[in-house]
């Protein structure tokens, strides 16, 4: 009798397991049915997420392009600053050289006046 009861319990558990599996299969089939509300909700959520990702990617690409443009502009400005600094240094050297020549000419003139 115990064996029979154990067998009946085992069969009952198997029937319960089979019912649970049938419910899972039904849900899976429902998800596969494009007309089902569950499929429509899932599909809509996926489509929204894909649209968000496309928008985010476009935004990232736009920002990357802006960064590249700014980097190019900074490089161009650095070049202009270097050119301006070089010109200032050249002018300063030229001014100093001119001042030295002027001082030398005055010294030579003073020496000539003193000698005469």
Foldseek 3Di string as FASTA:
>chain_A
DVVVVVVVVVVVVVVVVVVVVVVVVVVVVLCVPCPHPVVVVVVVVVVVVVVVVVVVVVVVVVVVVVVVVVVVVVVVVVVVVVVVVVVVVVVVVVVVVVVVVVVVVVVVVVVVVVVD
